Every structure is written in structure tokens, then in C-alpha cells.
N, C-alpha and C. Protein backbone atom coordinates (compact mmCIF):
# COMPACT_ATOMS: atom_id res chain seq x y z
N MET A 1 -199.07 -7.65 88.92
CA MET A 1 -198.08 -8.70 89.15
C MET A 1 -198.52 -9.54 90.35
N ASP A 2 -198.31 -10.80 90.28
CA ASP A 2 -198.59 -11.62 91.44
C ASP A 2 -197.27 -12.00 92.15
N THR A 3 -197.42 -12.74 93.20
CA THR A 3 -196.22 -13.09 94.00
C THR A 3 -195.22 -13.88 93.14
N THR A 4 -195.65 -14.75 92.27
CA THR A 4 -194.74 -15.52 91.47
C THR A 4 -193.93 -14.61 90.57
N ASP A 5 -194.52 -13.60 89.99
CA ASP A 5 -193.89 -12.71 89.11
C ASP A 5 -192.81 -11.92 89.88
N HIS A 6 -193.18 -11.39 91.02
CA HIS A 6 -192.29 -10.68 91.83
C HIS A 6 -191.07 -11.51 92.24
N GLN A 7 -191.37 -12.77 92.62
CA GLN A 7 -190.25 -13.71 93.03
C GLN A 7 -189.30 -14.01 91.85
N HIS A 8 -189.87 -14.17 90.67
CA HIS A 8 -189.15 -14.37 89.54
C HIS A 8 -188.12 -13.20 89.19
N LEU A 9 -188.71 -12.02 89.39
CA LEU A 9 -187.81 -10.80 89.11
C LEU A 9 -186.79 -10.64 90.27
N ILE A 10 -187.16 -10.93 91.41
CA ILE A 10 -186.19 -10.90 92.50
C ILE A 10 -185.04 -11.89 92.25
N ASP A 11 -185.38 -13.15 91.86
CA ASP A 11 -184.30 -14.09 91.49
C ASP A 11 -183.44 -13.58 90.42
N GLU A 12 -184.02 -12.97 89.37
CA GLU A 12 -183.27 -12.42 88.27
C GLU A 12 -182.35 -11.29 88.77
N LEU A 13 -182.87 -10.44 89.56
CA LEU A 13 -182.10 -9.34 90.09
C LEU A 13 -180.99 -9.89 91.03
N ASP A 14 -181.23 -10.94 91.78
CA ASP A 14 -180.15 -11.51 92.57
C ASP A 14 -179.03 -12.13 91.68
N THR A 15 -179.44 -12.70 90.62
CA THR A 15 -178.41 -13.16 89.67
C THR A 15 -177.50 -12.01 89.08
N LEU A 16 -178.26 -10.97 88.70
CA LEU A 16 -177.58 -9.77 88.21
C LEU A 16 -176.61 -9.19 89.29
N LEU A 17 -177.14 -9.09 90.51
CA LEU A 17 -176.33 -8.47 91.56
C LEU A 17 -175.07 -9.31 91.84
N ASP A 18 -175.21 -10.70 91.83
CA ASP A 18 -174.05 -11.57 91.97
C ASP A 18 -173.02 -11.30 90.86
N GLN A 19 -173.53 -11.15 89.60
CA GLN A 19 -172.58 -10.93 88.54
C GLN A 19 -171.90 -9.53 88.66
N ILE A 20 -172.62 -8.57 89.06
CA ILE A 20 -172.01 -7.21 89.28
C ILE A 20 -171.02 -7.30 90.36
N ALA A 21 -171.28 -7.99 91.39
CA ALA A 21 -170.33 -8.04 92.53
C ALA A 21 -169.03 -8.77 92.04
N MET A 22 -169.14 -9.82 91.31
CA MET A 22 -167.98 -10.56 90.81
C MET A 22 -167.19 -9.59 89.87
N LEU A 23 -167.86 -8.84 89.00
CA LEU A 23 -167.17 -7.99 88.05
C LEU A 23 -166.50 -6.87 88.81
N LEU A 24 -167.12 -6.33 89.86
CA LEU A 24 -166.48 -5.25 90.63
C LEU A 24 -165.18 -5.76 91.38
N GLN A 25 -165.31 -7.06 91.91
CA GLN A 25 -164.10 -7.67 92.53
C GLN A 25 -163.01 -7.85 91.42
N ARG A 26 -163.38 -8.24 90.26
CA ARG A 26 -162.32 -8.41 89.21
C ARG A 26 -161.69 -7.00 88.85
N PHE A 27 -162.48 -6.04 88.82
CA PHE A 27 -161.96 -4.68 88.47
C PHE A 27 -160.93 -4.38 89.57
N GLU A 28 -161.31 -4.51 90.76
CA GLU A 28 -160.44 -4.13 91.93
C GLU A 28 -159.21 -5.06 91.96
N ALA A 29 -159.34 -6.34 91.74
CA ALA A 29 -158.25 -7.25 91.82
C ALA A 29 -157.20 -7.01 90.81
N THR A 30 -157.63 -6.51 89.55
CA THR A 30 -156.76 -6.28 88.42
C THR A 30 -156.25 -4.83 88.34
N GLY A 31 -156.79 -4.00 89.21
CA GLY A 31 -156.39 -2.59 89.27
C GLY A 31 -157.03 -1.77 88.16
N CYS A 32 -158.16 -2.32 87.54
CA CYS A 32 -158.75 -1.62 86.48
C CYS A 32 -159.70 -0.53 86.97
N ASN A 33 -160.02 -0.47 88.25
CA ASN A 33 -160.92 0.46 88.70
C ASN A 33 -160.45 1.92 88.71
N ALA A 34 -159.14 2.15 88.60
CA ALA A 34 -158.65 3.54 88.44
C ALA A 34 -158.64 3.95 86.92
N PRO A 35 -157.99 3.11 86.05
CA PRO A 35 -157.92 3.54 84.66
C PRO A 35 -159.30 3.47 83.98
N LEU A 36 -160.26 2.63 84.42
CA LEU A 36 -161.59 2.55 83.88
C LEU A 36 -162.58 3.13 84.89
N LYS A 37 -162.30 4.24 85.46
CA LYS A 37 -163.06 4.83 86.51
C LYS A 37 -164.60 4.93 86.12
N ALA A 38 -164.87 5.48 84.98
CA ALA A 38 -166.22 5.72 84.50
C ALA A 38 -167.03 4.45 84.48
N ASP A 39 -166.38 3.31 83.92
CA ASP A 39 -167.02 2.04 83.91
C ASP A 39 -167.28 1.42 85.33
N TYR A 40 -166.30 1.62 86.15
CA TYR A 40 -166.31 1.17 87.59
C TYR A 40 -167.58 1.87 88.29
N ILE A 41 -167.63 3.20 88.07
CA ILE A 41 -168.73 3.94 88.74
C ILE A 41 -170.09 3.46 88.10
N ALA A 42 -170.14 3.27 86.85
CA ALA A 42 -171.35 2.83 86.15
C ALA A 42 -171.80 1.50 86.81
N LEU A 43 -170.88 0.66 87.09
CA LEU A 43 -171.24 -0.64 87.68
C LEU A 43 -171.86 -0.49 89.04
N HIS A 44 -171.26 0.41 89.83
CA HIS A 44 -171.82 0.74 91.14
C HIS A 44 -173.26 1.37 91.01
N GLU A 45 -173.49 2.22 89.97
CA GLU A 45 -174.81 2.83 89.76
C GLU A 45 -175.81 1.71 89.34
N LEU A 46 -175.35 0.73 88.51
CA LEU A 46 -176.26 -0.27 88.15
C LEU A 46 -176.54 -1.16 89.34
N GLN A 47 -175.56 -1.41 90.17
CA GLN A 47 -175.78 -2.19 91.35
C GLN A 47 -176.86 -1.53 92.29
N ALA A 48 -176.73 -0.21 92.43
CA ALA A 48 -177.75 0.54 93.27
C ALA A 48 -179.10 0.48 92.77
N ARG A 49 -179.23 0.60 91.41
CA ARG A 49 -180.58 0.50 90.81
C ARG A 49 -181.17 -0.87 90.97
N ALA A 50 -180.34 -1.90 90.75
CA ALA A 50 -180.82 -3.34 90.93
C ALA A 50 -181.22 -3.53 92.40
N LEU A 51 -180.50 -3.09 93.35
CA LEU A 51 -180.85 -3.24 94.71
C LEU A 51 -182.18 -2.51 95.05
N LYS A 52 -182.40 -1.39 94.54
CA LYS A 52 -183.57 -0.58 94.75
C LYS A 52 -184.77 -1.32 94.17
N GLN A 53 -184.56 -1.79 92.93
CA GLN A 53 -185.64 -2.57 92.35
C GLN A 53 -186.02 -3.84 93.09
N ARG A 54 -184.96 -4.50 93.57
CA ARG A 54 -185.13 -5.75 94.30
C ARG A 54 -185.93 -5.46 95.56
N GLN A 55 -185.62 -4.42 96.19
CA GLN A 55 -186.35 -3.99 97.47
C GLN A 55 -187.79 -3.69 97.14
N GLU A 56 -188.05 -3.00 96.01
CA GLU A 56 -189.44 -2.71 95.62
C GLU A 56 -190.26 -3.93 95.40
N HIS A 57 -189.63 -4.87 94.79
CA HIS A 57 -190.41 -6.16 94.48
C HIS A 57 -190.67 -6.88 95.81
N ALA A 58 -189.65 -6.91 96.72
CA ALA A 58 -189.81 -7.64 98.04
C ALA A 58 -190.90 -6.85 98.75
N CYS A 59 -190.96 -5.55 98.79
CA CYS A 59 -191.97 -4.83 99.48
C CYS A 59 -193.39 -5.05 98.87
N ALA A 60 -193.42 -5.18 97.51
CA ALA A 60 -194.73 -5.41 96.90
C ALA A 60 -195.25 -6.79 97.28
N MET A 61 -194.32 -7.77 97.38
CA MET A 61 -194.68 -9.12 97.82
C MET A 61 -195.19 -9.11 99.16
N ALA A 62 -194.68 -8.20 100.08
CA ALA A 62 -195.05 -8.14 101.45
C ALA A 62 -196.33 -7.30 101.65
N GLY A 63 -196.84 -6.66 100.48
CA GLY A 63 -197.99 -5.87 100.61
C GLY A 63 -197.74 -4.47 101.06
N ASP A 64 -196.65 -3.93 100.82
CA ASP A 64 -196.27 -2.60 101.22
C ASP A 64 -196.23 -1.62 100.03
N PRO A 65 -197.40 -1.17 99.54
CA PRO A 65 -197.40 -0.38 98.22
C PRO A 65 -196.73 0.97 98.38
N GLN A 66 -196.56 1.53 99.58
CA GLN A 66 -195.83 2.82 99.72
C GLN A 66 -194.35 2.73 99.45
N ARG A 67 -193.81 1.50 99.49
CA ARG A 67 -192.41 1.33 99.17
C ARG A 67 -192.06 1.13 97.75
N THR A 68 -193.14 1.06 96.89
CA THR A 68 -192.89 0.98 95.47
C THR A 68 -193.26 2.20 94.80
N THR A 69 -192.42 2.57 93.70
CA THR A 69 -192.77 3.77 92.99
C THR A 69 -192.73 3.54 91.48
N PRO A 70 -193.70 4.03 90.76
CA PRO A 70 -193.67 3.81 89.28
C PRO A 70 -192.42 4.34 88.63
N ALA A 71 -191.86 5.37 89.14
CA ALA A 71 -190.69 5.99 88.44
C ALA A 71 -189.54 5.02 88.32
N THR A 72 -189.28 4.18 89.39
CA THR A 72 -188.17 3.28 89.47
C THR A 72 -188.46 2.15 88.40
N ARG A 73 -189.65 1.77 88.22
CA ARG A 73 -189.91 0.67 87.27
C ARG A 73 -189.60 1.13 85.85
N ARG A 74 -189.48 2.34 85.60
CA ARG A 74 -189.09 2.83 84.33
C ARG A 74 -187.63 2.92 84.09
N GLU A 75 -186.79 2.60 85.03
CA GLU A 75 -185.30 2.69 84.90
C GLU A 75 -184.73 1.70 84.04
N GLY A 76 -185.47 0.65 83.65
CA GLY A 76 -184.93 -0.21 82.61
C GLY A 76 -184.42 -1.56 82.94
N LEU A 77 -184.38 -2.06 84.20
CA LEU A 77 -183.88 -3.30 84.45
C LEU A 77 -185.07 -4.41 84.34
N HIS A 78 -186.27 -3.96 84.26
CA HIS A 78 -187.35 -4.93 84.05
C HIS A 78 -188.48 -4.38 83.29
């Protein structure tokens, strides 16, 4: 992957993270976080995976190969 590829994925992950944040806010504002607890937790887990993958791409762009792991790339967001 080159810098352009990494940046494209970072941009896509940023969009996903914004959408997750908005959905979490809607869950909380409507009180759905309690009755739909499993879904609410799953959104937080998705958010954590996206943040981790974003960090890995940022580190790869900065030339820090020790901060990227092949196992994370298999988690499914890219």
C-alpha cells in the first residue's frame, strides 16, 4: 500500500467513525441504549476496531511498521 491508499482508508474510516458516533448519540438520546444493549455494545466494539485500524494506517503512513499488525487487517473493515 502506498500513502494514497492509506489516506483513502483513513478517510473512509473517519466517515465510518462519524456515522457510528452519530448513531451512538441517537441511541442515548432516545433511550435505546438500555433496551438494545447488545446492539449498543456492538456499536462500541465496531468503533474500537475502526479506531485501531485508523491508527494502524496512520502509523504505516508515518513509517512505523511495528504499530501495524496483520491480525487486525483481517478483522473485516477493509
